[in-house]
Amino acid sequence: MTTILPEINFLETDPQQLLTEIISTYENAEGRKLALADPLRLIF
């Protein structure tokens, strides 16, 4: 009997999820929220 293992994912490939994580990490490190039109948010 063979067991089928789930697919292994080493990194996230969803662009929206990556952007959310980057912005969240930056906001936590800086202690401030980025507005939607903030130049730093646009760069990310």
C-alpha atoms as a PDB file:
ATOM      1  CA  MET A   1       0.000   0.000   0.000  1.00  0.00           C
ATOM      2  CA  THR A   2       1.437   3.384  -0.983  1.00  0.00           C
ATOM      3  CA  THR A   3       0.766   6.567   0.906  1.00  0.00           C
ATOM      4  CA  ILE A   4       0.304   9.792  -1.034  1.00  0.00           C
ATOM      5  CA  LEU A   5       1.966  12.688   0.730  1.00  0.00           C
ATOM      6  CA  PRO A   6       0.653  16.250   0.425  1.00  0.00           C
ATOM      7  CA  GLU A   7       2.490  18.644  -1.880  1.00  0.00           C
ATOM      8  CA  ILE A   8       5.352  20.452  -0.165  1.00  0.00           C
ATOM      9  CA  ASN A   9       5.445  24.255  -0.403  1.00  0.00           C
ATOM     10  CA  PHE A  10       8.636  25.947   0.755  1.00  0.00           C
ATOM     11  CA  LEU A  11       7.528  29.483   0.002  1.00  0.00           C
ATOM     12  CA  GLU A  12       4.407  31.490  -0.691  1.00  0.00           C
ATOM     13  CA  THR A  13       3.784  32.305  -4.359  1.00  0.00           C
ATOM     14  CA  ASP A  14       0.595  34.356  -4.019  1.00  0.00           C
ATOM     15  CA  PRO A  15       1.602  37.995  -4.737  1.00  0.00           C
ATOM     16  CA  GLN A  16      -1.145  39.503  -2.558  1.00  0.00           C
ATOM     17  CA  GLN A  17      -0.175  37.319   0.409  1.00  0.00           C
ATOM     18  CA  LEU A  18       3.484  38.275  -0.018  1.00  0.00           C
ATOM     19  CA  LEU A  19       2.616  41.990  -0.165  1.00  0.00           C
ATOM     20  CA  THR A  20       0.465  41.697   2.959  1.00  0.00           C
ATOM     21  CA  GLU A  21       3.293  39.982   4.848  1.00  0.00           C
ATOM     22  CA  ILE A  22       5.910  42.544   3.733  1.00  0.00           C
ATOM     23  CA  ILE A  23       3.748  45.499   4.725  1.00  0.00           C
ATOM     24  CA  SER A  24       2.779  43.900   8.031  1.00  0.00           C
ATOM     25  CA  THR A  25       6.411  43.151   8.883  1.00  0.00           C
ATOM     26  CA  TYR A  26       7.446  46.724   8.057  1.00  0.00           C
ATOM     27  CA  GLU A  27       4.570  48.231  10.054  1.00  0.00           C
ATOM     28  CA  ASN A  28       5.434  46.103  13.096  1.00  0.00           C
ATOM     29  CA  ALA A  29       9.121  47.024  12.880  1.00  0.00           C
ATOM     30  CA  GLU A  30       8.483  50.759  12.469  1.00  0.00           C
ATOM     31  CA  GLY A  31       5.504  50.966  14.812  1.00  0.00           C
ATOM     32  CA  ARG A  32       3.310  52.848  12.356  1.00  0.00           C
ATOM     33  CA  LYS A  33       0.661  52.076   9.758  1.00  0.00           C
ATOM     34  CA  LEU A  34       1.258  52.755   6.075  1.00  0.00           C
ATOM     35  CA  ALA A  35      -1.540  54.647   4.339  1.00  0.00           C
ATOM     36  CA  LEU A  36      -2.729  53.326   0.967  1.00  0.00           C
ATOM     37  CA  ALA A  37      -0.975  56.186  -0.867  1.00  0.00           C
ATOM     38  CA  ASP A  38       2.178  56.131   1.276  1.00  0.00           C
ATOM     39  CA  PRO A  39       5.230  56.117  -1.033  1.00  0.00           C
ATOM     40  CA  LEU A  40       6.800  53.233   0.901  1.00  0.00           C
ATOM     41  CA  ARG A  41       3.673  51.123   0.448  1.00  0.00           C
ATOM     42  CA  LEU A  42       3.726  51.876  -3.278  1.00  0.00           C
ATOM     43  CA  ILE A  43       7.381  50.822  -3.466  1.00  0.00           C
ATOM     44  CA  PHE A  44       6.597  47.498  -1.792  1.00  0.00           C
END
